[in-house]
C-alpha atoms as a PDB file:
ATOM      1  CA  UNK A   1     -17.667  20.575  20.057  1.00  0.00           C
ATOM      2  CA  UNK A   2     -19.030  20.845  23.607  1.00  0.00           C
ATOM      3  CA  UNK A   3     -18.057  18.308  26.288  1.00  0.00           C
ATOM      4  CA  UNK A   4     -21.577  16.903  26.616  1.00  0.00           C
ATOM      5  CA  UNK A   5     -21.740  16.410  22.826  1.00  0.00           C
ATOM      6  CA  UNK A   6     -18.407  14.561  22.886  1.00  0.00           C
ATOM      7  CA  UNK A   7     -19.642  12.322  25.706  1.00  0.00           C
ATOM      8  CA  UNK A   8     -22.801  11.494  23.765  1.00  0.00           C
ATOM      9  CA  UNK A   9     -20.755  10.698  20.681  1.00  0.00           C
ATOM     10  CA  UNK A  10     -18.350   8.485  22.596  1.00  0.00           C
ATOM     11  CA  UNK A  11     -21.290   6.581  24.091  1.00  0.00           C
ATOM     12  CA  UNK A  12     -22.325   5.511  20.565  1.00  0.00           C
ATOM     13  CA  UNK A  13     -19.041   3.901  19.564  1.00  0.00           C
ATOM     14  CA  UNK A  14     -18.776   0.142  18.842  1.00  0.00           C
ATOM     15  CA  UNK A  15     -16.510  -0.148  21.898  1.00  0.00           C
ATOM     16  CA  UNK A  16     -19.146   1.288  24.210  1.00  0.00           C
ATOM     17  CA  UNK A  17     -21.823  -0.956  22.727  1.00  0.00           C
ATOM     18  CA  UNK A  18     -19.573  -3.984  23.290  1.00  0.00           C
ATOM     19  CA  UNK A  19     -19.019  -2.960  26.914  1.00  0.00           C
ATOM     20  CA  UNK A  20     -22.762  -2.498  27.369  1.00  0.00           C
ATOM     21  CA  UNK A  21     -23.485  -5.993  26.018  1.00  0.00           C
ATOM     22  CA  UNK A  22     -20.856  -7.536  28.315  1.00  0.00           C
ATOM     23  CA  UNK A  23     -22.182  -5.736  31.372  1.00  0.00           C
ATOM     24  CA  UNK A  24     -25.923  -6.078  30.678  1.00  0.00           C
ATOM     25  CA  UNK A  25     -26.246  -9.397  28.831  1.00  0.00           C
ATOM     26  CA  UNK A  26     -23.310 -11.309  30.333  1.00  0.00           C
ATOM     27  CA  UNK A  27     -23.358  -9.609  33.755  1.00  0.00           C
ATOM     28  CA  UNK A  28     -19.660  -8.733  33.707  1.00  0.00           C
ATOM     29  CA  UNK A  29     -18.323  -6.199  36.183  1.00  0.00           C
ATOM     30  CA  UNK A  30     -17.191  -2.944  34.487  1.00  0.00           C
ATOM     31  CA  UNK A  31     -13.494  -3.698  35.058  1.00  0.00           C
ATOM     32  CA  UNK A  32     -13.880  -7.221  33.699  1.00  0.00           C
ATOM     33  CA  UNK A  33     -15.787  -5.923  30.660  1.00  0.00           C
ATOM     34  CA  UNK A  34     -13.019  -3.380  29.970  1.00  0.00           C
ATOM     35  CA  UNK A  35     -10.361  -6.110  30.250  1.00  0.00           C
ATOM     36  CA  UNK A  36     -12.289  -8.340  27.810  1.00  0.00           C
ATOM     37  CA  UNK A  37     -12.619  -5.416  25.371  1.00  0.00           C
ATOM     38  CA  UNK A  38      -8.895  -4.651  25.473  1.00  0.00           C
ATOM     39  CA  UNK A  39      -8.004  -8.324  24.968  1.00  0.00           C
ATOM     40  CA  UNK A  40     -10.430  -8.597  22.036  1.00  0.00           C
ATOM     41  CA  UNK A  41      -9.035  -5.440  20.441  1.00  0.00           C
ATOM     42  CA  UNK A  42      -5.478  -6.741  20.742  1.00  0.00           C
ATOM     43  CA  UNK A  43      -6.407 -10.143  19.260  1.00  0.00           C
ATOM     44  CA  UNK A  44      -8.415  -8.692  16.365  1.00  0.00           C
ATOM     45  CA  UNK A  45      -6.544  -5.479  15.570  1.00  0.00           C
ATOM     46  CA  UNK A  46      -3.170  -6.018  17.192  1.00  0.00           C
ATOM     47  CA  UNK A  47      -1.368  -3.799  19.652  1.00  0.00           C
ATOM     48  CA  UNK A  48      -1.218  -0.049  18.963  1.00  0.00           C
ATOM     49  CA  UNK A  49       1.322   0.552  16.209  1.00  0.00           C
ATOM     50  CA  UNK A  50       1.498  -3.134  15.354  1.00  0.00           C
ATOM     51  CA  UNK A  51       0.709  -4.215  11.823  1.00  0.00           C
ATOM     52  CA  UNK A  52      -1.718  -7.059  11.184  1.00  0.00           C
ATOM     53  CA  UNK A  53      -0.879 -10.313   9.393  1.00  0.00           C
ATOM     54  CA  UNK A  54      -0.787  -9.655   5.663  1.00  0.00           C
ATOM     55  CA  UNK A  55       0.268  -6.022   6.078  1.00  0.00           C
ATOM     56  CA  UNK A  56       3.615  -4.390   5.335  1.00  0.00           C
ATOM     57  CA  UNK A  57       5.147  -0.991   6.000  1.00  0.00           C
ATOM     58  CA  UNK A  58       6.180   1.043   2.970  1.00  0.00           C
ATOM     59  CA  UNK A  59       7.905   4.373   2.488  1.00  0.00           C
ATOM     60  CA  UNK A  60       6.070   6.349  -0.194  1.00  0.00           C
ATOM     61  CA  UNK A  61       6.138   9.893  -1.532  1.00  0.00           C
ATOM     62  CA  UNK A  62       3.717  12.260   0.196  1.00  0.00           C
ATOM     63  CA  UNK A  63       0.539  13.055  -1.732  1.00  0.00           C
ATOM     64  CA  UNK A  64       1.245  16.802  -1.825  1.00  0.00           C
ATOM     65  CA  UNK A  65       4.930  16.454  -2.779  1.00  0.00           C
ATOM     66  CA  UNK A  66       5.826  18.234  -6.001  1.00  0.00           C
ATOM     67  CA  UNK A  67       7.201  16.629  -9.139  1.00  0.00           C
ATOM     68  CA  UNK A  68      10.522  17.206 -10.812  1.00  0.00           C
ATOM     69  CA  UNK A  69      12.769  16.807  -7.745  1.00  0.00           C
ATOM     70  CA  UNK A  70      15.233  14.023  -7.046  1.00  0.00           C
ATOM     71  CA  UNK A  71      13.699  11.338  -4.838  1.00  0.00           C
ATOM     72  CA  UNK A  72      16.159  12.083  -2.026  1.00  0.00           C
ATOM     73  CA  UNK A  73      14.807  15.652  -1.932  1.00  0.00           C
ATOM     74  CA  UNK A  74      11.135  14.642  -2.028  1.00  0.00           C
ATOM     75  CA  UNK A  75       9.022  14.409   1.131  1.00  0.00           C
ATOM     76  CA  UNK A  76       8.069  10.844   2.041  1.00  0.00           C
ATOM     77  CA  UNK A  77       5.785   9.146   4.564  1.00  0.00           C
ATOM     78  CA  UNK A  78       5.472   5.662   6.064  1.00  0.00           C
ATOM     79  CA  UNK A  79       2.224   3.847   5.273  1.00  0.00           C
ATOM     80  CA  UNK A  80       0.791   0.429   6.043  1.00  0.00           C
ATOM     81  CA  UNK A  81      -0.325  -1.618   3.047  1.00  0.00           C
ATOM     82  CA  UNK A  82      -2.639  -4.633   3.192  1.00  0.00           C
ATOM     83  CA  UNK A  83      -0.938  -6.907   0.694  1.00  0.00           C
ATOM     84  CA  UNK A  84      -2.977  -9.940   1.748  1.00  0.00           C
ATOM     85  CA  UNK A  85      -6.522  -9.413   3.077  1.00  0.00           C
ATOM     86  CA  UNK A  86      -6.960 -13.044   4.114  1.00  0.00           C
ATOM     87  CA  UNK A  87     -10.339 -14.637   3.393  1.00  0.00           C
ATOM     88  CA  UNK A  88     -11.500 -11.749   1.201  1.00  0.00           C
ATOM     89  CA  UNK A  89      -8.485 -12.234  -1.087  1.00  0.00           C
ATOM     90  CA  UNK A  90      -8.942 -16.010  -1.049  1.00  0.00           C
ATOM     91  CA  UNK A  91     -12.501 -15.595  -2.316  1.00  0.00           C
ATOM     92  CA  UNK A  92     -11.329 -13.359  -5.156  1.00  0.00           C
ATOM     93  CA  UNK A  93      -8.559 -15.823  -6.014  1.00  0.00           C
ATOM     94  CA  UNK A  94     -11.048 -18.664  -6.313  1.00  0.00           C
ATOM     95  CA  UNK A  95     -13.470 -16.615  -8.396  1.00  0.00           C
ATOM     96  CA  UNK A  96     -11.101 -14.623 -10.630  1.00  0.00           C
ATOM     97  CA  UNK A  97      -7.700 -16.300 -10.479  1.00  0.00           C
ATOM     98  CA  UNK A  98      -4.287 -14.801  -9.733  1.00  0.00           C
ATOM     99  CA  UNK A  99      -4.582 -12.067 -12.322  1.00  0.00           C
ATOM    100  CA  UNK A 100      -7.930 -10.864 -10.950  1.00  0.00           C
ATOM    101  CA  UNK A 101      -6.598 -10.938  -7.393  1.00  0.00           C
ATOM    102  CA  UNK A 102      -3.552  -8.898  -8.336  1.00  0.00           C
ATOM    103  CA  UNK A 103      -5.762  -6.242  -9.962  1.00  0.00           C
ATOM    104  CA  UNK A 104      -7.943  -5.999  -6.855  1.00  0.00           C
ATOM    105  CA  UNK A 105      -4.822  -5.642  -4.723  1.00  0.00           C
ATOM    106  CA  UNK A 106      -3.532  -2.851  -6.968  1.00  0.00           C
ATOM    107  CA  UNK A 107      -6.736  -0.871  -6.349  1.00  0.00           C
ATOM    108  CA  UNK A 108      -6.649  -1.532  -2.618  1.00  0.00           C
ATOM    109  CA  UNK A 109      -3.004  -0.533  -2.184  1.00  0.00           C
ATOM    110  CA  UNK A 110      -3.388   2.685  -4.166  1.00  0.00           C
ATOM    111  CA  UNK A 111      -6.380   3.766  -2.102  1.00  0.00           C
ATOM    112  CA  UNK A 112      -4.733   2.830   1.186  1.00  0.00           C
ATOM    113  CA  UNK A 113      -1.799   4.992   0.170  1.00  0.00           C
ATOM    114  CA  UNK A 114      -4.104   7.896  -0.646  1.00  0.00           C
ATOM    115  CA  UNK A 115      -6.007   7.521   2.637  1.00  0.00           C
ATOM    116  CA  UNK A 116      -2.693   7.773   4.521  1.00  0.00           C
ATOM    117  CA  UNK A 117      -1.493  10.853   2.661  1.00  0.00           C
ATOM    118  CA  UNK A 118       0.767   9.171   0.120  1.00  0.00           C
ATOM    119  CA  UNK A 119       0.914   8.628  -3.635  1.00  0.00           C
ATOM    120  CA  UNK A 120       2.329   5.317  -4.893  1.00  0.00           C
ATOM    121  CA  UNK A 121       4.035   4.608  -8.184  1.00  0.00           C
ATOM    122  CA  UNK A 122       3.741   1.523 -10.344  1.00  0.00           C
ATOM    123  CA  UNK A 123       7.244   0.634  -9.171  1.00  0.00           C
ATOM    124  CA  UNK A 124       6.024   0.712  -5.546  1.00  0.00           C
ATOM    125  CA  UNK A 125       3.174  -1.640  -6.461  1.00  0.00           C
ATOM    126  CA  UNK A 126       5.505  -4.045  -8.241  1.00  0.00           C
ATOM    127  CA  UNK A 127       7.801  -4.188  -5.213  1.00  0.00           C
ATOM    128  CA  UNK A 128       4.960  -4.812  -2.743  1.00  0.00           C
ATOM    129  CA  UNK A 129       3.266  -7.432  -4.919  1.00  0.00           C
ATOM    130  CA  UNK A 130       6.538  -9.154  -5.908  1.00  0.00           C
ATOM    131  CA  UNK A 131       5.986  -8.836  -9.635  1.00  0.00           C
ATOM    132  CA  UNK A 132       7.434  -6.854 -12.529  1.00  0.00           C
ATOM    133  CA  UNK A 133       6.653  -3.243 -13.406  1.00  0.00           C
ATOM    134  CA  UNK A 134       5.660  -4.456 -16.875  1.00  0.00           C
ATOM    135  CA  UNK A 135       2.954  -6.662 -15.310  1.00  0.00           C
ATOM    136  CA  UNK A 136       1.662  -3.768 -13.174  1.00  0.00           C
ATOM    137  CA  UNK A 137       1.560  -1.486 -16.230  1.00  0.00           C
ATOM    138  CA  UNK A 138      -0.454  -4.083 -18.141  1.00  0.00           C
ATOM    139  CA  UNK A 139      -2.896  -4.563 -15.246  1.00  0.00           C
ATOM    140  CA  UNK A 140      -3.324  -0.804 -14.849  1.00  0.00           C
ATOM    141  CA  UNK A 141      -4.016  -0.390 -18.552  1.00  0.00           C
ATOM    142  CA  UNK A 142      -6.751  -3.063 -18.415  1.00  0.00           C
ATOM    143  CA  UNK A 143      -8.382  -1.537 -15.324  1.00  0.00           C
ATOM    144  CA  UNK A 144      -8.303   1.980 -16.725  1.00  0.00           C
ATOM    145  CA  UNK A 145      -9.844   0.773 -19.983  1.00  0.00           C
ATOM    146  CA  UNK A 146     -12.721  -0.559 -17.871  1.00  0.00           C
ATOM    147  CA  UNK A 147     -13.194   2.847 -16.246  1.00  0.00           C
ATOM    148  CA  UNK A 148     -11.463   2.073 -12.943  1.00  0.00           C
ATOM    149  CA  UNK A 149      -9.787   5.075 -11.309  1.00  0.00           C
ATOM    150  CA  UNK A 150      -6.192   4.337 -10.265  1.00  0.00           C
ATOM    151  CA  UNK A 151      -4.630   7.100  -8.133  1.00  0.00           C
ATOM    152  CA  UNK A 152      -0.978   6.410  -8.932  1.00  0.00           C
ATOM    153  CA  UNK A 153       1.490   9.257  -8.465  1.00  0.00           C
ATOM    154  CA  UNK A 154       1.713   9.760 -12.213  1.00  0.00           C
ATOM    155  CA  UNK A 155      -2.079   9.778 -12.588  1.00  0.00           C
ATOM    156  CA  UNK A 156      -2.538  12.271  -9.752  1.00  0.00           C
ATOM    157  CA  UNK A 157      -0.183  14.760 -11.316  1.00  0.00           C
ATOM    158  CA  UNK A 158      -2.100  17.811 -12.433  1.00  0.00           C
ATOM    159  CA  UNK A 159      -5.587  16.266 -12.183  1.00  0.00           C
ATOM    160  CA  UNK A 160      -6.096  15.628  -8.479  1.00  0.00           C
ATOM    161  CA  UNK A 161      -8.224  12.943  -6.864  1.00  0.00           C
ATOM    162  CA  UNK A 162     -10.813  11.039  -8.808  1.00  0.00           C
ATOM    163  CA  UNK A 163     -13.531   8.697  -7.656  1.00  0.00           C
ATOM    164  CA  UNK A 164     -12.291   5.651  -5.736  1.00  0.00           C
ATOM    165  CA  UNK A 165     -13.402   2.113  -6.499  1.00  0.00           C
ATOM    166  CA  UNK A 166     -15.500   2.060  -3.297  1.00  0.00           C
ATOM    167  CA  UNK A 167     -17.537   5.028  -4.521  1.00  0.00           C
ATOM    168  CA  UNK A 168     -17.831   3.507  -7.991  1.00  0.00           C
ATOM    169  CA  UNK A 169     -19.161   0.280  -6.488  1.00  0.00           C
ATOM    170  CA  UNK A 170     -21.723   2.153  -4.378  1.00  0.00           C
ATOM    171  CA  UNK A 171     -22.778   4.167  -7.425  1.00  0.00           C
ATOM    172  CA  UNK A 172     -23.310   1.022  -9.467  1.00  0.00           C
ATOM    173  CA  UNK A 173     -25.402  -0.468  -6.665  1.00  0.00           C
ATOM    174  CA  UNK A 174     -27.553   2.658  -6.407  1.00  0.00           C
ATOM    175  CA  UNK A 175     -28.128   2.503 -10.143  1.00  0.00           C
ATOM    176  CA  UNK A 176     -29.576  -1.007  -9.792  1.00  0.00           C
ATOM    177  CA  UNK A 177     -26.721  -3.427 -10.448  1.00  0.00           C
ATOM    178  CA  UNK A 178     -26.732  -6.660  -8.452  1.00  0.00           C
ATOM    179  CA  UNK A 179     -23.773  -7.809  -6.378  1.00  0.00           C
ATOM    180  CA  UNK A 180     -22.903 -10.377  -9.054  1.00  0.00           C
ATOM    181  CA  UNK A 181     -22.938  -7.715 -11.787  1.00  0.00           C
ATOM    182  CA  UNK A 182     -20.796  -5.357  -9.700  1.00  0.00           C
ATOM    183  CA  UNK A 183     -18.318  -8.157  -8.992  1.00  0.00           C
ATOM    184  CA  UNK A 184     -18.064  -8.896 -12.714  1.00  0.00           C
ATOM    185  CA  UNK A 185     -17.470  -5.244 -13.650  1.00  0.00           C
ATOM    186  CA  UNK A 186     -15.135  -4.254 -10.809  1.00  0.00           C
ATOM    187  CA  UNK A 187     -13.209  -7.491 -10.109  1.00  0.00           C
ATOM    188  CA  UNK A 188     -14.123  -7.335  -6.407  1.00  0.00           C
ATOM    189  CA  UNK A 189     -15.413 -10.140  -4.211  1.00  0.00           C
ATOM    190  CA  UNK A 190     -19.052 -10.246  -3.104  1.00  0.00           C
ATOM    191  CA  UNK A 191     -18.104  -9.940   0.578  1.00  0.00           C
ATOM    192  CA  UNK A 192     -16.102  -6.761  -0.089  1.00  0.00           C
ATOM    193  CA  UNK A 193     -18.939  -5.267  -2.124  1.00  0.00           C
ATOM    194  CA  UNK A 194     -21.436  -6.029   0.639  1.00  0.00           C
ATOM    195  CA  UNK A 195     -19.130  -4.401   3.195  1.00  0.00           C
ATOM    196  CA  UNK A 196     -18.754  -1.217   1.147  1.00  0.00           C
ATOM    197  CA  UNK A 197     -22.511  -0.895   0.676  1.00  0.00           C
ATOM    198  CA  UNK A 198     -23.270  -1.590   4.335  1.00  0.00           C
ATOM    199  CA  UNK A 199     -20.823   1.133   5.337  1.00  0.00           C
ATOM    200  CA  UNK A 200     -22.349   3.528   2.805  1.00  0.00           C
ATOM    201  CA  UNK A 201     -25.882   2.873   4.109  1.00  0.00           C
ATOM    202  CA  UNK A 202     -24.673   3.412   7.681  1.00  0.00           C
ATOM    203  CA  UNK A 203     -23.056   6.707   6.655  1.00  0.00           C
ATOM    204  CA  UNK A 204     -26.287   7.930   5.071  1.00  0.00           C
ATOM    205  CA  UNK A 205     -28.280   6.849   8.117  1.00  0.00           C
ATOM    206  CA  UNK A 206     -26.030   8.928  10.385  1.00  0.00           C
ATOM    207  CA  UNK A 207     -26.031  11.831   7.936  1.00  0.00           C
ATOM    208  CA  UNK A 208     -29.827  11.924   8.051  1.00  0.00           C
ATOM    209  CA  UNK A 209     -29.584  12.129  11.829  1.00  0.00           C
ATOM    210  CA  UNK A 210     -27.535  15.346  11.416  1.00  0.00           C
ATOM    211  CA  UNK A 211     -24.172  13.923  12.509  1.00  0.00           C
ATOM    212  CA  UNK A 212     -21.184  15.850  11.144  1.00  0.00           C
ATOM    213  CA  UNK A 213     -18.624  14.289   8.789  1.00  0.00           C
ATOM    214  CA  UNK A 214     -16.077  13.970  11.591  1.00  0.00           C
ATOM    215  CA  UNK A 215     -18.632  12.321  13.877  1.00  0.00           C
ATOM    216  CA  UNK A 216     -19.685   9.878  11.158  1.00  0.00           C
ATOM    217  CA  UNK A 217     -16.035   9.012  10.470  1.00  0.00           C
ATOM    218  CA  UNK A 218     -15.570   8.232  14.165  1.00  0.00           C
ATOM    219  CA  UNK A 219     -18.704   6.105  14.421  1.00  0.00           C
ATOM    220  CA  UNK A 220     -18.056   3.978  11.319  1.00  0.00           C
ATOM    221  CA  UNK A 221     -14.289   3.847  11.738  1.00  0.00           C
ATOM    222  CA  UNK A 222     -13.449   5.334   8.324  1.00  0.00           C
ATOM    223  CA  UNK A 223     -11.523   8.381   7.132  1.00  0.00           C
ATOM    224  CA  UNK A 224     -13.298  11.678   6.489  1.00  0.00           C
ATOM    225  CA  UNK A 225     -12.232  11.598   2.829  1.00  0.00           C
ATOM    226  CA  UNK A 226     -14.286   8.437   2.284  1.00  0.00           C
ATOM    227  CA  UNK A 227     -17.232   9.902   4.228  1.00  0.00           C
ATOM    228  CA  UNK A 228     -17.225  12.994   1.973  1.00  0.00           C
ATOM    229  CA  UNK A 229     -17.043  10.788  -1.097  1.00  0.00           C
ATOM    230  CA  UNK A 230     -19.998   8.679   0.032  1.00  0.00           C
ATOM    231  CA  UNK A 231     -22.056  11.776   0.774  1.00  0.00           C
ATOM    232  CA  UNK A 232     -21.204  13.150  -2.668  1.00  0.00           C
ATOM    233  CA  UNK A 233     -22.377   9.890  -4.264  1.00  0.00           C
ATOM    234  CA  UNK A 234     -25.590  10.118  -2.233  1.00  0.00           C
ATOM    235  CA  UNK A 235     -26.273  13.641  -3.556  1.00  0.00           C
ATOM    236  CA  UNK A 236     -25.404  12.704  -7.148  1.00  0.00           C
ATOM    237  CA  UNK A 237     -27.854   9.807  -7.153  1.00  0.00           C
ATOM    238  CA  UNK A 238     -30.861  11.748  -5.927  1.00  0.00           C
ATOM    239  CA  UNK A 239     -33.377   9.975  -8.184  1.00  0.00           C
ATOM    240  CA  UNK A 240     -36.609   8.164  -7.239  1.00  0.00           C
ATOM    241  CA  UNK A 241     -35.156   4.752  -8.104  1.00  0.00           C
ATOM    242  CA  UNK A 242     -31.963   5.339  -6.105  1.00  0.00           C
ATOM    243  CA  UNK A 243     -33.891   6.731  -3.138  1.00  0.00           C
ATOM    244  CA  UNK A 244     -36.152   3.687  -3.150  1.00  0.00           C
ATOM    245  CA  UNK A 245     -33.197   1.289  -3.275  1.00  0.00           C
ATOM    246  CA  UNK A 246     -31.520   3.083  -0.391  1.00  0.00           C
ATOM    247  CA  UNK A 247     -34.734   3.200   1.647  1.00  0.00           C
ATOM    248  CA  UNK A 248     -35.137  -0.565   1.260  1.00  0.00           C
ATOM    249  CA  UNK A 249     -31.597  -1.177   2.499  1.00  0.00           C
ATOM    250  CA  UNK A 250     -32.073   1.199   5.450  1.00  0.00           C
ATOM    251  CA  UNK A 251     -35.264  -0.649   6.381  1.00  0.00           C
ATOM    252  CA  UNK A 252     -33.460  -4.001   6.253  1.00  0.00           C
ATOM    253  CA  UNK A 253     -30.678  -2.672   8.454  1.00  0.00           C
ATOM    254  CA  UNK A 254     -33.194  -1.303  10.950  1.00  0.00           C
ATOM    255  CA  UNK A 255     -35.124  -4.593  11.058  1.00  0.00           C
ATOM    256  CA  UNK A 256     -31.906  -6.568  11.507  1.00  0.00           C
ATOM    257  CA  UNK A 257     -30.952  -4.325  14.430  1.00  0.00           C
ATOM    258  CA  UNK A 258     -34.350  -4.818  16.070  1.00  0.00           C
ATOM    259  CA  UNK A 259     -34.094  -8.588  15.591  1.00  0.00           C
ATOM    260  CA  UNK A 260     -30.709  -8.691  17.302  1.00  0.00           C
ATOM    261  CA  UNK A 261     -31.954  -6.609  20.227  1.00  0.00           C
ATOM    262  CA  UNK A 262     -35.029  -8.836  20.612  1.00  0.00           C
ATOM    263  CA  UNK A 263     -32.953 -12.035  20.648  1.00  0.00           C
ATOM    264  CA  UNK A 264     -30.598 -10.514  23.219  1.00  0.00           C
ATOM    265  CA  UNK A 265     -33.518  -9.629  25.507  1.00  0.00           C
ATOM    266  CA  UNK A 266     -34.997 -13.100  25.111  1.00  0.00           C
ATOM    267  CA  UNK A 267     -31.738 -14.702  26.196  1.00  0.00           C
ATOM    268  CA  UNK A 268     -31.506 -12.786  29.444  1.00  0.00           C
END
């Protein structure tokens, strides 16, 4: 990528937009705006290398590690797991109870492991969630019977990656299911479902503007594996009904962006 292309890409990051708002709308000096940004990043995301509240570090087997070896001879990697997602988990707890929350956490932990190059076992899940392996096995059996893909180390053996729950949720939405219906079928909270779909729509918007997968991943703050999966879902659902549903959401996003910009100008 050429230097001028990199500079243009960097200028479109959320950080640069935040700096622009501070400097233009709040009349902060560039150095003050940068200091505010750094303080906000530390408060919201923590210091570099620091885990957030609700997260834990785990040592798991690497995704590409072979089977049949003793654990001490198998390549491992440290990952960060979000055991407690705060308000999002609280919403699921209130709507679906402890069992439903545990099943959502199982899906989240398995995908976080995969995104970080690891493959977790049911024993790993039981340890992180402070429950028994028997309980995890029962939860996994229920989820799999409902068509949920669970990338445990045993499941990955010989069959490779399947479709993650995020892609399944987006696919259901494209096919016409409401947020309530998706929540019922996937055991996820409404706020999480909305977030997945908003990210998907943003990915497609950037894709239509001819951004590359790596550029899209940078702009939306997600891994390239998820970006590829979302683009694959987009191509698979190339029907008139799905295109219309996506176009409506893109229009809403565009109108919301214009409304925000108008209100910011009016407040100057």
